[in-house]
Amino acid sequence: MRSASVRVVAALALCGSWSLTACAQSPLGPVTGEVSFHTRSADLGLGYTWGNGVLTYGGRTYPFSVKGASAAAVGYSSGDSVGKVYNLQRIEDFQGTFWALSGEATVGRGVSGVLMENDNGVRIRLDYTRSGARFAASPSRLTVRLLKPAKTLTDATHSAPAAH
């Protein structure tokens, strides 16, 4: 009976996060950037998530790390996320702690979405593909840290050595 209750809660949280992300495009503010990253999550009641990614903002790319915790989750999964960043006015506002109410029910491979917001009002709407076996329905906290100085998008295309 208890496992059935956990599955129901996970399914409700998952549906709630999808409906939030599906209808939340307009009230999020202006799209100001994009993110992509790879994370792993390991959980046994309490969970831990870690990974790395790239923010594209103002014609530059900014590598970042992400780590955080969640409650009420069991299992392991890894996957890739892509998303839009909203309401980012200064690069300094991207760093910090993002909060989300998320749900995941991955067995083998799954697709989901989540909406996150930090204390600076920066919002991220993510779509992610996960693989593994993990069930989660909980508030999540992810801390984002910028890693290096930014590279312009043209720096990345011109950094290859010239052929002679």
N, C-alpha and C. Protein backbone atom coordinates (compact mmCIF):
# COMPACT_ATOMS: atom_id res chain seq x y z
N MET A 1 0.82 -1.18 0.00
CA MET A 1 0.00 0.00 0.00
C MET A 1 0.86 1.25 0.00
N ARG A 2 1.95 1.22 0.77
CA ARG A 2 2.80 2.40 0.84
C ARG A 2 3.45 2.68 -0.51
N SER A 3 3.92 1.65 -1.22
CA SER A 3 4.55 1.88 -2.52
C SER A 3 3.55 2.44 -3.53
N ALA A 4 2.29 2.04 -3.42
CA ALA A 4 1.26 2.61 -4.30
C ALA A 4 1.07 4.09 -4.02
N SER A 5 1.10 4.48 -2.75
CA SER A 5 0.97 5.89 -2.40
C SER A 5 2.14 6.70 -2.93
N VAL A 6 3.34 6.15 -2.85
CA VAL A 6 4.52 6.84 -3.37
C VAL A 6 4.40 7.02 -4.87
N ARG A 7 3.91 6.01 -5.57
CA ARG A 7 3.74 6.13 -7.03
C ARG A 7 2.70 7.18 -7.39
N VAL A 8 1.63 7.27 -6.63
CA VAL A 8 0.59 8.26 -6.89
C VAL A 8 1.15 9.66 -6.68
N VAL A 9 1.87 9.87 -5.59
CA VAL A 9 2.46 11.17 -5.31
C VAL A 9 3.47 11.54 -6.41
N ALA A 10 4.29 10.58 -6.83
CA ALA A 10 5.26 10.84 -7.89
C ALA A 10 4.56 11.22 -9.19
N ALA A 11 3.50 10.51 -9.52
CA ALA A 11 2.77 10.81 -10.74
C ALA A 11 2.12 12.19 -10.68
N LEU A 12 1.54 12.54 -9.54
CA LEU A 12 0.91 13.86 -9.40
C LEU A 12 1.94 14.97 -9.50
N ALA A 13 3.09 14.80 -8.87
CA ALA A 13 4.14 15.81 -8.95
C ALA A 13 4.66 15.94 -10.37
N LEU A 14 4.81 14.83 -11.05
CA LEU A 14 5.27 14.84 -12.42
C LEU A 14 4.27 15.57 -13.31
N CYS A 15 3.01 15.26 -13.17
CA CYS A 15 1.97 15.94 -13.95
C CYS A 15 1.93 17.43 -13.62
N GLY A 16 2.08 17.76 -12.36
CA GLY A 16 2.07 19.17 -11.96
C GLY A 16 3.22 19.93 -12.55
N SER A 17 4.42 19.33 -12.57
CA SER A 17 5.56 20.05 -13.13
C SER A 17 5.41 20.20 -14.64
N TRP A 18 4.83 19.20 -15.32
CA TRP A 18 4.60 19.34 -16.76
C TRP A 18 3.58 20.42 -17.05
N SER A 19 2.50 20.48 -16.27
CA SER A 19 1.49 21.50 -16.55
C SER A 19 2.03 22.88 -16.26
N LEU A 20 2.88 23.01 -15.24
CA LEU A 20 3.50 24.31 -14.96
C LEU A 20 4.38 24.75 -16.11
N THR A 21 5.21 23.84 -16.62
CA THR A 21 6.12 24.21 -17.68
C THR A 21 5.40 24.42 -19.00
N ALA A 22 4.31 23.70 -19.21
CA ALA A 22 3.58 23.83 -20.47
C ALA A 22 2.88 25.17 -20.60
N CYS A 23 2.35 25.69 -19.50
CA CYS A 23 1.57 26.92 -19.59
C CYS A 23 2.30 28.13 -19.02
N ALA A 24 3.54 27.98 -18.62
CA ALA A 24 4.23 29.05 -17.92
C ALA A 24 5.10 29.92 -18.82
N GLN A 25 5.05 29.76 -20.12
CA GLN A 25 5.91 30.50 -21.01
C GLN A 25 5.75 32.02 -20.86
N SER A 26 4.56 32.56 -20.94
CA SER A 26 4.39 34.00 -20.97
C SER A 26 4.64 34.70 -19.64
N PRO A 27 4.22 34.18 -18.49
CA PRO A 27 4.46 34.92 -17.25
C PRO A 27 5.89 34.81 -16.70
N LEU A 28 6.76 34.09 -17.37
CA LEU A 28 8.12 33.91 -16.87
C LEU A 28 9.01 35.13 -17.11
N GLY A 29 8.60 36.00 -17.99
CA GLY A 29 9.44 37.14 -18.34
C GLY A 29 10.09 36.90 -19.69
N PRO A 30 10.99 37.80 -20.08
CA PRO A 30 11.63 37.64 -21.39
C PRO A 30 12.66 36.52 -21.39
N VAL A 31 12.75 35.81 -22.52
CA VAL A 31 13.80 34.80 -22.69
C VAL A 31 15.10 35.56 -22.87
N THR A 32 16.07 35.28 -22.02
CA THR A 32 17.33 36.02 -22.07
C THR A 32 18.53 35.11 -22.30
N GLY A 33 18.35 33.81 -22.28
CA GLY A 33 19.46 32.89 -22.49
C GLY A 33 18.99 31.47 -22.63
N GLU A 34 19.95 30.58 -22.81
CA GLU A 34 19.68 29.15 -22.92
C GLU A 34 20.70 28.37 -22.09
N VAL A 35 20.29 27.22 -21.60
CA VAL A 35 21.19 26.34 -20.85
C VAL A 35 21.13 24.93 -21.41
N SER A 36 22.22 24.22 -21.23
CA SER A 36 22.25 22.78 -21.48
C SER A 36 23.22 22.20 -20.47
N PHE A 37 22.86 21.06 -19.90
CA PHE A 37 23.76 20.42 -18.94
C PHE A 37 23.44 18.95 -18.76
N HIS A 38 24.40 18.27 -18.15
CA HIS A 38 24.28 16.85 -17.86
C HIS A 38 24.36 16.67 -16.35
N THR A 39 23.41 15.95 -15.78
CA THR A 39 23.41 15.71 -14.33
C THR A 39 23.22 14.24 -14.03
N ARG A 40 23.58 13.90 -12.79
CA ARG A 40 23.33 12.57 -12.23
C ARG A 40 22.65 12.79 -10.89
N SER A 41 21.77 11.86 -10.53
CA SER A 41 21.08 11.92 -9.24
C SER A 41 21.14 10.55 -8.60
N ALA A 42 21.48 10.52 -7.31
CA ALA A 42 21.49 9.29 -6.53
C ALA A 42 20.71 9.56 -5.25
N ASP A 43 19.76 8.66 -4.93
CA ASP A 43 18.84 8.93 -3.84
C ASP A 43 18.52 7.66 -3.05
N LEU A 44 18.35 7.85 -1.78
CA LEU A 44 17.81 6.82 -0.90
C LEU A 44 17.06 7.57 0.20
N GLY A 45 15.87 8.04 -0.13
CA GLY A 45 15.11 8.91 0.76
C GLY A 45 15.49 10.35 0.49
N LEU A 46 16.69 10.74 0.91
CA LEU A 46 17.25 12.03 0.54
C LEU A 46 18.12 11.81 -0.68
N GLY A 47 18.19 12.82 -1.54
CA GLY A 47 18.95 12.63 -2.77
C GLY A 47 19.99 13.70 -2.99
N TYR A 48 20.92 13.39 -3.90
CA TYR A 48 21.98 14.31 -4.26
C TYR A 48 22.07 14.33 -5.78
N THR A 49 22.18 15.53 -6.35
CA THR A 49 22.30 15.72 -7.79
C THR A 49 23.56 16.54 -8.07
N TRP A 50 24.30 16.18 -9.13
CA TRP A 50 25.50 16.92 -9.49
C TRP A 50 25.68 16.88 -10.99
N GLY A 51 26.41 17.87 -11.53
CA GLY A 51 26.68 17.90 -12.96
C GLY A 51 27.32 19.20 -13.41
N ASN A 52 27.44 19.35 -14.74
CA ASN A 52 28.04 20.53 -15.37
C ASN A 52 27.21 20.93 -16.56
N GLY A 53 27.30 22.22 -16.91
CA GLY A 53 26.55 22.70 -18.04
C GLY A 53 27.13 23.97 -18.62
N VAL A 54 26.40 24.52 -19.59
CA VAL A 54 26.79 25.75 -20.27
C VAL A 54 25.57 26.66 -20.39
N LEU A 55 25.77 27.91 -20.01
CA LEU A 55 24.77 28.97 -20.20
C LEU A 55 25.20 29.78 -21.41
N THR A 56 24.28 30.05 -22.33
CA THR A 56 24.52 30.96 -23.44
C THR A 56 23.72 32.22 -23.15
N TYR A 57 24.44 33.35 -23.02
CA TYR A 57 23.82 34.61 -22.62
C TYR A 57 24.60 35.77 -23.23
N GLY A 58 23.91 36.66 -23.91
CA GLY A 58 24.55 37.85 -24.47
C GLY A 58 25.67 37.57 -25.45
N GLY A 59 25.53 36.52 -26.26
CA GLY A 59 26.56 36.20 -27.25
C GLY A 59 27.78 35.52 -26.67
N ARG A 60 27.73 35.09 -25.43
CA ARG A 60 28.85 34.42 -24.78
C ARG A 60 28.38 33.11 -24.16
N THR A 61 29.34 32.22 -23.92
CA THR A 61 29.03 30.97 -23.23
C THR A 61 29.72 30.97 -21.87
N TYR A 62 29.01 30.48 -20.87
CA TYR A 62 29.49 30.45 -19.50
C TYR A 62 29.35 29.03 -18.95
N PRO A 63 30.46 28.31 -18.73
CA PRO A 63 30.36 26.98 -18.12
C PRO A 63 29.99 27.12 -16.65
N PHE A 64 29.22 26.15 -16.15
CA PHE A 64 28.82 26.18 -14.75
C PHE A 64 28.73 24.77 -14.20
N SER A 65 28.78 24.69 -12.88
CA SER A 65 28.55 23.42 -12.19
C SER A 65 27.22 23.52 -11.47
N VAL A 66 26.61 22.38 -11.23
CA VAL A 66 25.35 22.32 -10.52
C VAL A 66 25.43 21.17 -9.52
N LYS A 67 24.93 21.43 -8.32
CA LYS A 67 24.83 20.37 -7.31
C LYS A 67 23.68 20.74 -6.40
N GLY A 68 23.08 19.72 -5.78
CA GLY A 68 21.96 20.02 -4.92
C GLY A 68 21.38 18.79 -4.28
N ALA A 69 20.25 19.01 -3.63
CA ALA A 69 19.61 17.96 -2.84
C ALA A 69 18.12 17.94 -3.10
N SER A 70 17.54 16.79 -2.82
CA SER A 70 16.08 16.64 -2.90
C SER A 70 15.65 15.69 -1.79
N ALA A 71 14.38 15.72 -1.50
CA ALA A 71 13.81 14.82 -0.49
C ALA A 71 12.83 13.89 -1.17
N ALA A 72 12.50 12.81 -0.52
CA ALA A 72 11.50 11.86 -1.01
C ALA A 72 11.82 11.33 -2.40
N ALA A 73 13.01 10.78 -2.56
CA ALA A 73 13.41 10.20 -3.83
C ALA A 73 14.17 8.90 -3.58
N VAL A 74 14.05 7.97 -4.54
CA VAL A 74 14.73 6.69 -4.45
C VAL A 74 15.24 6.32 -5.83
N GLY A 75 16.52 5.93 -5.93
CA GLY A 75 17.05 5.43 -7.19
C GLY A 75 18.24 6.20 -7.69
N TYR A 76 18.58 5.96 -8.96
CA TYR A 76 19.69 6.62 -9.63
C TYR A 76 19.26 6.91 -11.06
N SER A 77 19.60 8.10 -11.53
CA SER A 77 19.38 8.42 -12.94
C SER A 77 20.41 9.44 -13.39
N SER A 78 20.60 9.52 -14.69
CA SER A 78 21.47 10.52 -15.28
C SER A 78 20.81 11.00 -16.55
N GLY A 79 21.16 12.19 -16.97
CA GLY A 79 20.54 12.67 -18.19
C GLY A 79 20.97 14.06 -18.59
N ASP A 80 20.42 14.47 -19.71
CA ASP A 80 20.72 15.76 -20.31
C ASP A 80 19.51 16.67 -20.23
N SER A 81 19.77 17.93 -19.97
CA SER A 81 18.72 18.93 -19.87
C SER A 81 19.02 20.07 -20.82
N VAL A 82 17.99 20.62 -21.42
CA VAL A 82 18.09 21.83 -22.22
C VAL A 82 16.95 22.73 -21.79
N GLY A 83 17.19 24.04 -21.84
CA GLY A 83 16.13 24.92 -21.41
C GLY A 83 16.38 26.37 -21.76
N LYS A 84 15.36 27.14 -21.48
CA LYS A 84 15.37 28.59 -21.69
C LYS A 84 15.56 29.27 -20.34
N VAL A 85 16.28 30.37 -20.34
CA VAL A 85 16.50 31.19 -19.15
C VAL A 85 15.68 32.45 -19.32
N TYR A 86 14.98 32.83 -18.28
CA TYR A 86 14.11 34.00 -18.30
C TYR A 86 14.55 35.00 -17.24
N ASN A 87 14.39 36.27 -17.56
CA ASN A 87 14.54 37.35 -16.58
C ASN A 87 15.97 37.50 -16.06
N LEU A 88 16.97 37.08 -16.83
CA LEU A 88 18.37 37.25 -16.44
C LEU A 88 18.83 38.61 -16.95
N GLN A 89 19.15 39.52 -16.04
CA GLN A 89 19.56 40.87 -16.41
C GLN A 89 21.07 41.05 -16.34
N ARG A 90 21.73 40.37 -15.41
CA ARG A 90 23.19 40.43 -15.24
C ARG A 90 23.69 39.01 -15.02
N ILE A 91 24.87 38.70 -15.55
CA ILE A 91 25.40 37.33 -15.42
C ILE A 91 25.54 36.93 -13.96
N GLU A 92 25.83 37.89 -13.08
CA GLU A 92 25.99 37.60 -11.66
C GLU A 92 24.70 37.04 -11.04
N ASP A 93 23.56 37.38 -11.63
CA ASP A 93 22.28 36.91 -11.09
C ASP A 93 22.01 35.44 -11.38
N PHE A 94 22.80 34.83 -12.29
CA PHE A 94 22.57 33.42 -12.63
C PHE A 94 23.04 32.49 -11.52
N GLN A 95 24.15 32.83 -10.88
CA GLN A 95 24.68 32.00 -9.80
C GLN A 95 23.73 32.02 -8.61
N GLY A 96 23.73 30.94 -7.87
CA GLY A 96 22.94 30.89 -6.66
C GLY A 96 22.13 29.62 -6.56
N THR A 97 21.16 29.66 -5.68
CA THR A 97 20.33 28.49 -5.41
C THR A 97 19.01 28.59 -6.15
N PHE A 98 18.71 27.58 -6.93
CA PHE A 98 17.44 27.47 -7.64
C PHE A 98 16.55 26.48 -6.90
N TRP A 99 15.28 26.80 -6.80
CA TRP A 99 14.30 25.95 -6.13
C TRP A 99 13.29 25.45 -7.16
N ALA A 100 12.84 24.22 -6.97
CA ALA A 100 11.84 23.64 -7.86
C ALA A 100 11.03 22.59 -7.12
N LEU A 101 9.80 22.42 -7.53
CA LEU A 101 9.00 21.27 -7.10
C LEU A 101 9.02 20.34 -8.29
N SER A 102 9.65 19.19 -8.12
CA SER A 102 9.84 18.31 -9.27
C SER A 102 9.34 16.91 -8.99
N GLY A 103 9.10 16.21 -10.07
CA GLY A 103 8.72 14.82 -10.00
C GLY A 103 9.42 14.06 -11.10
N GLU A 104 9.78 12.84 -10.80
CA GLU A 104 10.42 12.00 -11.80
C GLU A 104 9.98 10.57 -11.58
N ALA A 105 9.67 9.91 -12.66
CA ALA A 105 9.36 8.49 -12.63
C ALA A 105 10.07 7.86 -13.83
N THR A 106 11.34 7.54 -13.65
CA THR A 106 12.16 6.99 -14.72
C THR A 106 12.40 5.51 -14.49
N VAL A 107 12.06 4.72 -15.48
CA VAL A 107 12.40 3.31 -15.50
C VAL A 107 12.94 3.06 -16.89
N GLY A 108 14.23 2.89 -17.00
CA GLY A 108 14.86 2.77 -18.31
C GLY A 108 15.19 4.15 -18.85
N ARG A 109 14.24 4.75 -19.55
CA ARG A 109 14.44 6.07 -20.15
C ARG A 109 13.15 6.86 -20.01
N GLY A 110 13.28 8.14 -19.68
CA GLY A 110 12.10 8.98 -19.52
C GLY A 110 12.37 10.42 -19.91
N VAL A 111 11.31 11.17 -20.13
CA VAL A 111 11.38 12.58 -20.50
C VAL A 111 10.51 13.35 -19.53
N SER A 112 10.98 14.54 -19.13
CA SER A 112 10.21 15.33 -18.18
C SER A 112 10.55 16.80 -18.34
N GLY A 113 9.97 17.61 -17.48
CA GLY A 113 10.24 19.04 -17.49
C GLY A 113 10.15 19.59 -16.09
N VAL A 114 10.77 20.74 -15.88
CA VAL A 114 10.74 21.37 -14.56
C VAL A 114 10.91 22.87 -14.73
N LEU A 115 10.37 23.61 -13.79
CA LEU A 115 10.51 25.05 -13.74
C LEU A 115 11.23 25.40 -12.44
N MET A 116 12.33 26.15 -12.55
CA MET A 116 13.15 26.50 -11.39
C MET A 116 13.26 28.02 -11.30
N GLU A 117 13.46 28.52 -10.07
CA GLU A 117 13.66 29.95 -9.88
C GLU A 117 14.66 30.17 -8.75
N ASN A 118 15.52 31.19 -8.89
CA ASN A 118 16.45 31.51 -7.82
C ASN A 118 16.03 32.80 -7.10
N ASP A 119 16.79 33.18 -6.09
CA ASP A 119 16.45 34.36 -5.28
C ASP A 119 16.56 35.67 -6.05
N ASN A 120 17.26 35.66 -7.20
CA ASN A 120 17.40 36.86 -8.02
C ASN A 120 16.29 37.00 -9.05
N GLY A 121 15.31 36.10 -9.03
CA GLY A 121 14.20 36.15 -9.98
C GLY A 121 14.51 35.53 -11.32
N VAL A 122 15.67 34.89 -11.46
CA VAL A 122 16.01 34.20 -12.71
C VAL A 122 15.26 32.87 -12.73
N ARG A 123 14.62 32.60 -13.85
CA ARG A 123 13.84 31.37 -13.98
C ARG A 123 14.41 30.53 -15.12
N ILE A 124 14.36 29.22 -14.94
CA ILE A 124 14.79 28.28 -15.98
C ILE A 124 13.68 27.28 -16.20
N ARG A 125 13.28 27.13 -17.46
CA ARG A 125 12.32 26.09 -17.84
C ARG A 125 13.10 25.02 -18.56
N LEU A 126 13.13 23.81 -17.99
CA LEU A 126 13.95 22.72 -18.52
C LEU A 126 13.10 21.59 -19.09
N ASP A 127 13.61 21.01 -20.14
CA ASP A 127 13.13 19.73 -20.64
C ASP A 127 14.32 18.79 -20.51
N TYR A 128 14.10 17.61 -19.93
CA TYR A 128 15.23 16.71 -19.79
C TYR A 128 14.87 15.28 -20.11
N THR A 129 15.91 14.58 -20.56
CA THR A 129 15.83 13.15 -20.87
C THR A 129 16.70 12.44 -19.86
N ARG A 130 16.14 11.45 -19.17
CA ARG A 130 16.84 10.73 -18.11
C ARG A 130 16.88 9.24 -18.45
N SER A 131 17.88 8.57 -17.91
CA SER A 131 17.92 7.11 -17.98
C SER A 131 18.32 6.59 -16.61
N GLY A 132 17.81 5.43 -16.27
CA GLY A 132 18.07 4.83 -14.97
C GLY A 132 16.77 4.33 -14.36
N ALA A 133 16.75 4.27 -13.05
CA ALA A 133 15.55 3.87 -12.31
C ALA A 133 15.46 4.78 -11.09
N ARG A 134 14.56 5.74 -11.14
CA ARG A 134 14.44 6.72 -10.05
C ARG A 134 13.00 7.19 -9.95
N PHE A 135 12.52 7.31 -8.72
CA PHE A 135 11.20 7.87 -8.43
C PHE A 135 11.40 9.01 -7.45
N ALA A 136 10.86 10.18 -7.79
CA ALA A 136 11.02 11.35 -6.93
C ALA A 136 9.80 12.24 -7.04
N ALA A 137 9.39 12.79 -5.93
CA ALA A 137 8.32 13.79 -5.88
C ALA A 137 8.64 14.68 -4.69
N SER A 138 9.34 15.78 -4.97
CA SER A 138 9.85 16.54 -3.84
C SER A 138 10.28 17.93 -4.25
N PRO A 139 10.46 18.78 -3.25
CA PRO A 139 11.13 20.05 -3.53
C PRO A 139 12.61 19.75 -3.77
N SER A 140 13.19 20.47 -4.69
CA SER A 140 14.60 20.30 -5.00
C SER A 140 15.31 21.64 -4.88
N ARG A 141 16.56 21.57 -4.51
CA ARG A 141 17.39 22.76 -4.40
C ARG A 141 18.67 22.49 -5.16
N LEU A 142 18.96 23.31 -6.17
CA LEU A 142 20.18 23.16 -6.96
C LEU A 142 21.00 24.43 -6.87
N THR A 143 22.28 24.29 -6.57
CA THR A 143 23.17 25.44 -6.49
C THR A 143 24.00 25.50 -7.77
N VAL A 144 23.98 26.65 -8.43
CA VAL A 144 24.70 26.86 -9.68
C VAL A 144 25.89 27.78 -9.40
N ARG A 145 27.06 27.38 -9.90
CA ARG A 145 28.28 28.17 -9.78
C ARG A 145 28.93 28.31 -11.16
N LEU A 146 29.22 29.54 -11.56
CA LEU A 146 29.95 29.77 -12.80
C LEU A 146 31.38 29.31 -12.60
N LEU A 147 31.98 28.68 -13.64
CA LEU A 147 33.30 28.07 -13.49
C LEU A 147 34.45 28.90 -14.02
N LYS A 148 34.32 29.50 -15.20
CA LYS A 148 35.42 30.19 -15.85
C LYS A 148 34.91 31.48 -16.47
N PRO A 149 35.84 32.33 -16.90
CA PRO A 149 35.41 33.50 -17.65
C PRO A 149 34.70 33.07 -18.93
N ALA A 150 33.84 33.93 -19.41
CA ALA A 150 33.04 33.62 -20.59
C ALA A 150 33.88 33.63 -21.86
N LYS A 151 33.43 32.88 -22.84
CA LYS A 151 33.99 32.94 -24.19
C LYS A 151 32.89 33.47 -25.10
N THR A 152 33.28 34.32 -26.02
CA THR A 152 32.29 34.77 -26.99
C THR A 152 32.04 33.63 -27.96
N LEU A 153 30.90 33.64 -28.58
CA LEU A 153 30.59 32.58 -29.55
C LEU A 153 31.56 32.61 -30.72
N THR A 154 32.07 33.79 -31.10
CA THR A 154 33.04 33.86 -32.19
C THR A 154 34.40 33.36 -31.75
N ASP A 155 34.78 33.51 -30.46
CA ASP A 155 36.04 32.96 -29.95
C ASP A 155 36.07 31.45 -30.14
N ALA A 156 34.96 30.80 -29.87
CA ALA A 156 34.89 29.34 -29.95
C ALA A 156 35.08 28.87 -31.39
N THR A 157 34.59 29.64 -32.38
CA THR A 157 34.71 29.22 -33.77
C THR A 157 36.07 29.58 -34.36
N HIS A 158 36.78 30.56 -33.76
CA HIS A 158 38.08 30.97 -34.28
C HIS A 158 39.25 30.41 -33.47
N SER A 159 39.00 29.56 -32.50
CA SER A 159 40.09 29.09 -31.65
C SER A 159 40.86 27.91 -32.24
N ALA A 160 40.39 27.35 -33.35
CA ALA A 160 41.10 26.23 -33.97
C ALA A 160 42.35 26.76 -34.66
N PRO A 161 43.49 26.03 -34.58
CA PRO A 161 44.71 26.49 -35.24
C PRO A 161 44.53 26.50 -36.75
N ALA A 162 45.19 27.44 -37.38
CA ALA A 162 45.10 27.56 -38.84
C ALA A 162 45.89 26.45 -39.51
N ALA A 163 45.37 25.90 -40.59
CA ALA A 163 46.06 24.85 -41.35
C ALA A 163 47.05 25.49 -42.31
N HIS A 164 48.25 24.91 -42.41
CA HIS A 164 49.29 25.46 -43.32
C HIS A 164 49.54 24.50 -44.41
